[in-house]
Every structure is written in C-alpha cells, then in structure tokens.
N, C-alpha and C. Protein backbone atom coordinates (compact mmCIF):
# COMPACT_ATOMS: atom_id res chain seq x y z
N UNK A 1 48.68 15.50 -33.42
CA UNK A 1 48.26 16.50 -32.78
C UNK A 1 47.19 16.64 -31.70
N UNK A 2 45.92 16.43 -33.06
CA UNK A 2 44.86 17.15 -32.58
C UNK A 2 44.35 15.81 -31.74
N UNK A 3 44.57 14.90 -31.35
CA UNK A 3 44.61 14.21 -30.62
C UNK A 3 44.81 14.09 -28.86
N UNK A 4 46.47 14.19 -29.41
CA UNK A 4 46.89 14.95 -28.38
C UNK A 4 46.74 16.12 -27.34
N UNK A 5 45.77 16.97 -27.79
CA UNK A 5 44.95 17.73 -27.25
C UNK A 5 43.48 17.43 -26.84
N UNK A 6 43.44 16.49 -27.16
CA UNK A 6 41.76 16.10 -26.55
C UNK A 6 42.45 15.31 -25.63
N UNK A 7 43.30 14.56 -25.58
CA UNK A 7 43.77 13.65 -24.37
C UNK A 7 44.32 14.95 -23.30
N UNK A 8 45.03 15.73 -23.79
CA UNK A 8 45.08 16.42 -22.68
C UNK A 8 44.38 17.88 -21.94
N UNK A 9 43.22 17.74 -23.12
CA UNK A 9 42.05 18.37 -22.20
C UNK A 9 41.50 17.40 -21.21
N UNK A 10 41.11 16.15 -21.54
CA UNK A 10 40.58 15.09 -20.65
C UNK A 10 40.88 14.86 -19.51
N UNK A 11 42.36 15.06 -19.51
CA UNK A 11 44.05 14.56 -18.90
C UNK A 11 43.09 16.58 -17.15
N UNK A 12 43.22 17.52 -18.00
CA UNK A 12 43.07 18.53 -17.20
C UNK A 12 41.33 18.35 -16.86
N UNK A 13 40.75 18.18 -17.37
CA UNK A 13 39.60 17.99 -16.16
C UNK A 13 39.20 17.28 -15.39
N UNK A 14 40.19 15.96 -16.24
CA UNK A 14 40.01 14.48 -14.47
C UNK A 14 40.60 15.09 -13.60
N UNK A 15 41.91 16.01 -13.94
CA UNK A 15 42.98 16.49 -13.18
C UNK A 15 41.72 17.45 -11.99
N UNK A 16 40.87 18.49 -12.55
CA UNK A 16 40.31 19.10 -11.70
C UNK A 16 39.17 18.14 -10.91
N UNK A 17 38.77 17.08 -10.89
CA UNK A 17 37.89 15.99 -10.84
C UNK A 17 38.92 16.21 -9.32
N UNK A 18 40.59 14.84 -9.38
CA UNK A 18 41.05 14.93 -8.29
C UNK A 18 41.73 16.07 -7.57
N UNK A 19 41.69 17.31 -7.89
CA UNK A 19 41.96 18.47 -6.70
C UNK A 19 40.68 18.31 -5.95
N UNK A 20 39.57 18.46 -6.83
CA UNK A 20 38.72 18.76 -5.67
C UNK A 20 38.03 17.69 -4.29
N UNK A 21 38.10 16.42 -5.10
CA UNK A 21 38.53 15.02 -3.84
C UNK A 21 39.05 15.40 -3.25
N UNK A 22 40.68 16.17 -3.26
CA UNK A 22 41.66 16.40 -2.22
C UNK A 22 41.20 17.30 -1.43
N UNK A 23 40.06 17.89 -1.95
CA UNK A 23 39.80 19.23 -0.80
C UNK A 23 38.44 18.72 -0.34
N UNK A 24 38.19 18.11 -0.47
CA UNK A 24 36.98 17.50 0.70
C UNK A 24 37.54 16.61 1.03
N UNK A 25 38.70 15.24 0.95
CA UNK A 25 39.35 14.41 1.70
C UNK A 25 39.73 15.43 2.75
N UNK A 26 40.64 16.95 2.48
CA UNK A 26 41.15 17.90 3.29
C UNK A 26 40.21 18.61 4.28
N UNK A 27 39.14 18.48 3.77
CA UNK A 27 37.97 19.27 4.25
C UNK A 27 37.74 18.52 5.76
N UNK A 28 37.38 17.10 5.23
CA UNK A 28 36.66 16.63 6.14
C UNK A 28 37.79 15.80 7.20
N UNK A 29 39.17 15.70 6.70
CA UNK A 29 40.08 15.57 8.00
C UNK A 29 40.05 16.70 9.20
N UNK A 30 39.77 18.39 8.51
CA UNK A 30 40.26 19.05 9.25
C UNK A 30 38.82 19.31 10.00
N UNK A 31 37.83 18.67 9.76
CA UNK A 31 36.64 19.29 11.07
C UNK A 31 36.66 18.09 11.78
N UNK A 32 37.49 16.77 11.45
CA UNK A 32 37.15 16.06 12.90
C UNK A 32 38.17 16.14 13.62
N UNK A 33 39.50 16.30 12.77
CA UNK A 33 40.62 17.00 13.55
C UNK A 33 39.73 18.25 14.77
N UNK A 34 39.42 19.02 14.43
CA UNK A 34 39.34 20.50 15.70
C UNK A 34 38.21 19.66 15.76
N UNK A 35 37.12 18.85 15.26
CA UNK A 35 36.42 18.36 16.73
C UNK A 35 37.28 17.86 17.79
N UNK A 36 38.56 17.07 17.23
CA UNK A 36 38.50 15.84 18.30
C UNK A 36 38.96 17.14 19.47
N UNK A 37 39.62 17.81 18.74
CA UNK A 37 40.88 19.01 20.02
C UNK A 37 39.51 20.06 20.37
N UNK A 38 38.52 20.63 20.42
CA UNK A 38 37.70 21.38 20.57
C UNK A 38 36.38 20.76 21.54
N UNK A 39 35.70 19.64 21.17
CA UNK A 39 35.12 18.84 22.29
C UNK A 39 35.03 17.90 23.74
N UNK A 40 34.70 18.45 24.67
CA UNK A 40 35.54 18.08 25.72
C UNK A 40 35.67 16.67 25.73
N UNK A 41 36.30 16.29 26.83
CA UNK A 41 36.65 14.10 26.91
C UNK A 41 36.31 14.59 28.46
N UNK A 42 34.91 13.79 28.82
CA UNK A 42 35.42 13.21 30.27
C UNK A 42 34.70 11.77 30.30
N UNK A 43 35.19 11.41 30.29
CA UNK A 43 34.44 9.47 30.11
C UNK A 43 34.36 9.33 31.90
N UNK A 44 32.92 8.58 31.94
CA UNK A 44 32.63 8.61 32.94
C UNK A 44 31.40 6.85 32.70
N UNK A 45 31.51 6.02 33.81
CA UNK A 45 30.92 4.99 34.04
C UNK A 45 29.69 5.27 32.69
N UNK A 46 29.09 6.26 33.28
CA UNK A 46 27.63 5.99 32.65
C UNK A 46 27.39 6.91 31.22
N UNK A 47 28.57 7.23 30.69
CA UNK A 47 29.17 8.27 29.04
C UNK A 47 29.43 7.04 28.72
N UNK A 48 30.04 5.97 28.87
CA UNK A 48 30.43 4.66 28.58
C UNK A 48 30.04 3.71 28.36
N UNK A 49 28.62 3.76 28.65
CA UNK A 49 27.94 2.26 28.87
C UNK A 49 27.20 2.65 27.51
N UNK A 50 26.53 1.13 27.20
CA UNK A 50 26.12 0.40 25.62
C UNK A 50 24.67 1.87 25.31
N UNK A 51 23.92 2.31 26.15
CA UNK A 51 22.68 3.13 26.04
C UNK A 51 23.12 3.89 26.88
N UNK A 52 23.11 5.39 26.29
CA UNK A 52 22.77 6.64 27.25
C UNK A 52 21.73 7.88 26.52
N UNK A 53 21.01 6.67 27.78
CA UNK A 53 20.01 8.21 27.66
C UNK A 53 19.17 8.29 28.74
N UNK A 54 19.69 8.42 29.56
CA UNK A 54 19.37 8.77 31.29
C UNK A 54 18.29 7.47 31.75
N UNK A 55 18.47 6.50 31.27
CA UNK A 55 17.63 5.08 32.16
C UNK A 55 19.05 4.26 31.84
N UNK A 56 18.94 3.69 32.66
CA UNK A 56 19.31 2.48 32.62
C UNK A 56 18.92 1.41 32.26
N UNK A 57 19.56 0.42 31.30
CA UNK A 57 18.46 -0.55 30.59
C UNK A 57 18.04 -1.38 31.12
N UNK A 58 17.04 -2.11 30.21
CA UNK A 58 16.19 -2.67 31.70
C UNK A 58 14.98 -4.04 30.30
N UNK A 59 15.45 -4.98 30.54
CA UNK A 59 14.84 -6.02 29.68
C UNK A 59 15.68 -6.10 28.37
N UNK A 60 14.53 -6.91 27.78
CA UNK A 60 15.44 -7.35 26.71
C UNK A 60 15.52 -6.49 25.45
N UNK A 61 17.10 -6.02 24.19
CA UNK A 61 16.83 -5.74 23.00
C UNK A 61 16.07 -6.35 22.41
N UNK A 62 15.46 -7.71 22.42
CA UNK A 62 15.19 -7.86 21.14
C UNK A 62 13.50 -7.74 21.21
N UNK A 63 13.00 -6.63 20.87
CA UNK A 63 11.78 -6.52 21.09
C UNK A 63 10.86 -6.27 19.56
N UNK A 64 9.58 -6.23 19.75
CA UNK A 64 9.04 -6.05 18.65
C UNK A 64 8.65 -4.73 18.05
N UNK A 65 8.78 -4.11 17.13
CA UNK A 65 8.56 -3.04 16.82
C UNK A 65 7.22 -3.19 16.03
N UNK A 66 6.19 -1.82 15.80
CA UNK A 66 4.78 -1.50 15.42
C UNK A 66 5.81 -1.86 13.59
N UNK A 67 4.89 -2.51 12.63
CA UNK A 67 5.15 -2.58 11.25
C UNK A 67 5.15 -1.30 10.65
N UNK A 68 3.93 -0.61 11.15
CA UNK A 68 3.48 0.54 10.37
C UNK A 68 4.52 1.25 10.57
N UNK A 69 5.54 1.44 11.47
CA UNK A 69 6.44 2.01 11.27
C UNK A 69 7.44 2.49 10.02
N UNK A 70 6.94 1.42 9.86
CA UNK A 70 8.25 1.06 8.51
C UNK A 70 7.03 1.20 7.04
N UNK A 71 6.10 0.65 7.39
CA UNK A 71 5.01 0.75 6.18
C UNK A 71 5.11 2.59 6.23
N UNK A 72 4.57 3.27 6.92
CA UNK A 72 4.82 4.87 6.90
C UNK A 72 6.07 5.31 6.49
N UNK A 73 7.20 5.13 6.62
CA UNK A 73 8.48 5.45 6.45
C UNK A 73 8.74 5.23 5.04
N UNK A 74 8.41 3.79 4.69
CA UNK A 74 8.36 3.17 3.18
C UNK A 74 8.14 4.23 2.20
N UNK A 75 6.11 4.33 2.32
CA UNK A 75 5.61 5.08 1.93
C UNK A 75 6.33 6.60 1.56
N UNK A 76 6.54 7.26 3.02
CA UNK A 76 7.01 8.28 2.47
C UNK A 76 8.19 8.59 2.03
N UNK A 77 9.28 7.54 2.11
CA UNK A 77 10.46 7.93 1.34
C UNK A 77 10.20 7.56 -0.29
N UNK A 78 9.08 6.97 -0.72
CA UNK A 78 8.55 6.40 -2.31
C UNK A 78 8.32 8.04 -2.29
N UNK A 79 7.33 8.33 -1.90
CA UNK A 79 6.86 9.68 -2.21
C UNK A 79 7.99 10.65 -2.26
N UNK A 80 8.55 10.47 -1.68
CA UNK A 80 10.40 11.84 -1.58
C UNK A 80 10.85 11.60 -2.40
N UNK A 81 11.38 10.62 -3.25
CA UNK A 81 11.86 10.42 -4.30
C UNK A 81 11.08 10.53 -5.61
N UNK A 82 9.77 11.09 -5.14
CA UNK A 82 9.07 11.00 -6.58
C UNK A 82 9.40 12.22 -7.02
N UNK A 83 9.46 12.81 -5.49
CA UNK A 83 9.46 14.15 -5.67
C UNK A 83 10.65 14.71 -6.67
N UNK A 84 11.26 13.61 -5.71
CA UNK A 84 13.47 14.12 -6.77
C UNK A 84 12.95 14.02 -8.05
N UNK A 85 12.49 13.31 -8.49
CA UNK A 85 12.36 12.43 -10.32
C UNK A 85 11.92 13.27 -10.53
N UNK A 86 11.03 13.76 -10.88
CA UNK A 86 9.77 14.85 -11.13
C UNK A 86 9.99 16.44 -10.95
N UNK A 87 11.27 16.40 -9.98
CA UNK A 87 11.11 17.97 -9.96
C UNK A 87 12.24 18.25 -11.71
N UNK A 88 13.33 17.81 -11.34
CA UNK A 88 14.00 17.98 -12.99
C UNK A 88 13.27 18.15 -14.03
N UNK A 89 12.56 17.37 -14.50
CA UNK A 89 11.74 17.38 -15.64
C UNK A 89 10.74 18.49 -15.70
N UNK A 90 10.23 19.20 -14.33
CA UNK A 90 9.53 19.89 -13.95
C UNK A 90 10.11 21.10 -15.13
N UNK A 91 11.66 21.44 -14.19
CA UNK A 91 12.63 22.21 -14.21
C UNK A 91 12.40 23.06 -15.89
N UNK A 92 13.04 21.71 -16.34
CA UNK A 92 13.81 21.52 -17.84
C UNK A 92 12.25 21.73 -18.84
N UNK A 93 10.99 21.41 -18.32
CA UNK A 93 9.84 21.27 -19.34
C UNK A 93 9.61 22.03 -20.62
N UNK A 94 10.00 23.11 -19.93
CA UNK A 94 9.57 24.20 -21.12
C UNK A 94 10.52 24.03 -22.45
N UNK A 95 12.11 24.07 -21.53
CA UNK A 95 13.05 24.41 -22.84
C UNK A 95 12.61 22.89 -23.80
N UNK A 96 12.28 21.55 -23.12
CA UNK A 96 11.71 20.50 -24.02
C UNK A 96 9.93 20.77 -25.29
N UNK A 97 9.55 21.78 -24.35
CA UNK A 97 8.14 21.86 -25.05
C UNK A 97 9.00 22.57 -26.34
N UNK A 98 9.88 23.59 -26.29
CA UNK A 98 10.25 24.70 -27.21
C UNK A 98 11.15 23.63 -28.65
N UNK A 99 11.67 22.78 -28.17
CA UNK A 99 12.38 21.61 -29.06
C UNK A 99 11.35 20.39 -30.05
N UNK A 100 10.10 20.69 -29.16
CA UNK A 100 9.41 19.83 -29.94
C UNK A 100 8.97 18.14 -29.08
N UNK A 101 9.71 18.54 -27.87
CA UNK A 101 9.50 16.61 -27.26
C UNK A 101 8.89 16.95 -26.30
N UNK A 102 8.12 18.21 -25.83
CA UNK A 102 7.24 18.59 -24.61
C UNK A 102 6.28 17.46 -24.49
N UNK A 103 5.47 17.16 -25.85
CA UNK A 103 4.64 15.84 -25.45
C UNK A 103 5.13 14.87 -25.09
N UNK A 104 6.43 13.79 -25.99
CA UNK A 104 6.79 12.91 -24.91
C UNK A 104 6.93 12.83 -23.76
N UNK A 105 7.48 14.12 -23.34
CA UNK A 105 7.86 14.65 -21.80
C UNK A 105 6.86 14.21 -20.97
N UNK A 106 5.68 14.92 -21.71
CA UNK A 106 4.33 15.40 -20.63
C UNK A 106 4.06 13.72 -20.60
N UNK A 107 3.64 12.90 -21.38
CA UNK A 107 2.99 11.71 -21.38
C UNK A 107 4.39 10.71 -20.30
N UNK A 108 5.56 10.55 -20.79
CA UNK A 108 6.25 9.88 -19.87
C UNK A 108 6.06 9.77 -18.15
N UNK A 109 6.08 12.07 -18.06
CA UNK A 109 5.99 12.08 -16.67
C UNK A 109 4.26 11.52 -16.31
N UNK A 110 4.00 11.79 -16.81
CA UNK A 110 2.11 10.92 -16.27
C UNK A 110 2.26 10.11 -16.26
N UNK A 111 2.67 8.81 -17.08
CA UNK A 111 2.73 8.03 -16.49
C UNK A 111 3.96 7.44 -15.64
N UNK A 112 4.64 7.82 -15.00
CA UNK A 112 5.26 7.63 -14.15
C UNK A 112 4.70 8.49 -12.68
N UNK A 113 3.50 9.39 -12.90
CA UNK A 113 2.81 9.79 -11.89
C UNK A 113 1.60 8.71 -11.71
N UNK A 114 1.20 8.30 -12.79
CA UNK A 114 -0.30 7.23 -12.74
C UNK A 114 0.27 5.89 -11.65
N UNK A 115 1.84 5.73 -12.27
CA UNK A 115 1.81 4.41 -11.71
C UNK A 115 1.86 4.77 -9.91
N UNK A 116 2.67 5.89 -9.83
CA UNK A 116 2.38 6.19 -8.06
C UNK A 116 1.38 5.91 -7.59
N UNK A 117 0.20 6.93 -8.39
CA UNK A 117 -1.20 7.26 -8.00
C UNK A 117 -1.80 5.66 -7.59
N UNK A 118 -1.65 4.85 -8.24
CA UNK A 118 -2.35 3.64 -8.16
C UNK A 118 -1.74 2.07 -7.31
N UNK A 119 -0.20 2.76 -6.73
CA UNK A 119 0.34 2.86 -5.65
C UNK A 119 -0.05 2.96 -4.69
N UNK A 120 -0.24 4.35 -4.40
CA UNK A 120 -0.88 4.80 -3.35
C UNK A 120 -2.64 4.95 -2.74
N UNK A 121 -3.28 4.46 -4.36
CA UNK A 121 -4.55 4.45 -3.88
C UNK A 121 -4.64 2.46 -3.32
N UNK A 122 -3.89 1.73 -3.98
CA UNK A 122 -3.36 0.65 -2.96
C UNK A 122 -3.41 0.46 -1.61
N UNK A 123 -2.17 1.23 -1.43
CA UNK A 123 -1.81 1.27 -0.02
C UNK A 123 -3.03 1.82 1.24
N UNK A 124 -3.79 2.76 0.37
CA UNK A 124 -4.62 3.53 0.91
C UNK A 124 -5.98 2.44 0.89
N UNK A 125 -6.34 1.94 0.24
CA UNK A 125 -7.41 0.79 0.75
C UNK A 125 -6.71 -0.07 1.25
N UNK A 126 -6.12 -0.64 0.64
CA UNK A 126 -5.12 -2.30 2.08
C UNK A 126 -5.69 -1.75 3.20
N UNK A 127 -5.84 0.06 3.71
CA UNK A 127 -5.42 0.49 5.11
C UNK A 127 -4.30 0.80 5.51
N UNK A 128 -2.85 0.71 5.40
CA UNK A 128 -1.56 0.61 5.45
C UNK A 128 -1.04 2.29 5.98
N UNK A 129 -2.17 2.89 5.72
CA UNK A 129 -2.00 4.60 6.00
C UNK A 129 -3.00 4.68 7.24
N UNK A 130 -3.66 4.03 7.62
CA UNK A 130 -4.41 3.66 8.78
C UNK A 130 -3.46 3.92 9.90
N UNK A 131 -3.41 4.80 11.33
CA UNK A 131 -2.20 4.58 12.30
C UNK A 131 -2.67 3.82 13.29
N UNK A 132 -4.10 4.22 13.60
CA UNK A 132 -4.77 3.40 14.62
C UNK A 132 -5.41 2.18 13.41
N UNK A 133 -5.46 1.20 13.37
CA UNK A 133 -6.14 0.29 12.64
C UNK A 133 -7.32 -0.52 14.04
N UNK A 134 -8.17 -0.88 13.78
CA UNK A 134 -9.26 -1.33 14.17
C UNK A 134 -9.42 -3.03 14.09
N UNK A 135 -9.04 -3.77 15.17
CA UNK A 135 -9.27 -5.33 15.04
C UNK A 135 -10.86 -5.28 15.42
N UNK A 136 -10.94 -5.98 13.97
CA UNK A 136 -12.30 -6.69 14.05
C UNK A 136 -12.81 -7.40 15.60
N UNK A 137 -14.35 -7.21 15.72
CA UNK A 137 -15.11 -8.15 16.75
C UNK A 137 -15.53 -9.28 15.75
N UNK A 138 -14.84 -10.19 16.45
CA UNK A 138 -16.09 -11.52 16.01
C UNK A 138 -17.83 -11.75 16.58
N UNK A 139 -18.74 -11.61 16.46
CA UNK A 139 -20.08 -11.52 16.11
C UNK A 139 -20.45 -12.35 16.93
N UNK A 140 -20.54 -12.73 18.04
CA UNK A 140 -21.78 -14.00 18.82
C UNK A 140 -22.55 -14.38 17.58
N UNK A 141 -22.63 -15.85 17.36
CA UNK A 141 -23.79 -15.99 16.28
C UNK A 141 -25.24 -16.96 17.31
N UNK A 142 -24.99 -17.65 17.20
CA UNK A 142 -26.51 -17.64 17.72
C UNK A 142 -26.20 -19.00 18.77
N UNK A 143 -26.97 -19.13 19.68
CA UNK A 143 -26.29 -19.75 21.19
C UNK A 143 -25.92 -21.41 20.72
N UNK A 144 -25.17 -21.48 20.89
CA UNK A 144 -24.62 -22.92 20.75
C UNK A 144 -24.66 -23.55 22.06
N UNK A 145 -24.97 -24.69 22.41
CA UNK A 145 -25.41 -25.64 23.28
C UNK A 145 -24.34 -25.58 24.27
N UNK A 146 -24.70 -25.63 25.12
CA UNK A 146 -23.78 -26.15 26.61
C UNK A 146 -22.59 -27.28 26.44
N UNK A 147 -21.55 -27.41 26.24
CA UNK A 147 -20.59 -28.08 25.78
C UNK A 147 -20.43 -29.09 27.50
N UNK A 148 -21.22 -30.40 27.48
CA UNK A 148 -20.30 -31.05 28.77
C UNK A 148 -18.98 -31.61 28.61
N UNK A 149 -18.46 -31.93 30.41
CA UNK A 149 -16.88 -32.19 29.78
C UNK A 149 -17.01 -33.74 30.04
N UNK A 150 -16.14 -34.34 29.80
CA UNK A 150 -16.31 -35.85 29.16
C UNK A 150 -15.70 -36.17 30.40
C-alpha cells in the first residue's frame, strides 16, 4: 500500500513537469504563430539577398579576424561563469556557517577564486588583455659591410 502511494506521488510530480512542458510548447507555438500573422511580409530582391546590411556584398567572405576578439570574449565568459558559480555559494553561506560547514565552503570558494586569479594574472602577464599590442621593432646593430652582387 505504501509503495503504491509513493509511486503515485512520484507520478503526480512527473505529471506536473509534463504539464509545464506542454504549456511551454504551447506558448512557443503561440508566439511563433502570432509573429507570423502580425509581421509585415514584403519580399524584395534586396531583402532576400544573403547579406542584408545596406551594402552589396564585396570581396570574399573568408577574411581573417583578429584573435584578440576571441581572447577577450573567452576571458569575459570565464569570469562571467565564475560569478554564476560564486553567487549561489555566497547566498547560502550564512546557513552553511550555522551548520558548521562554513569553513569548508570558505576554503573551497577560496581555492576556486585563487585558480581564477592565477589564470587572470597569466593572461595579464602574457599581454592578451591589451587591445593594442605593440610590435617589437628590431634595433639596427653595428653596420654590416655592404654586400656586393655576385
């Protein structure tokens, strides 16, 4: 008897998830349908072109981007995710400290932050956070004797 109650309770909780999932799908379909009905439809040659930015496409699409864009974005994402990991710990730290687990949480958070700070110092010392890097200029050494063409 008890087993069937526990199973029934679990199925009820699962049904709640399915109902919310159904509502989410219904809402997505409703929003897409409303967008299709309400947005203007005026297909033109310029609108249907591959790159609609006001300028006709020129040149090759295969161009080299500066790697600094990616490096700065990657460092930003790392520290943004770090905030997402640290904030929940800070939010419940007081209750953990009351239960006697505050020291462990503090040390664990400290180790996590030290690893990130070491990474930040590494990126900083490597110079990847500088947007405009200076190209080293070779200084001319002693004059070399003029070479004659053979």
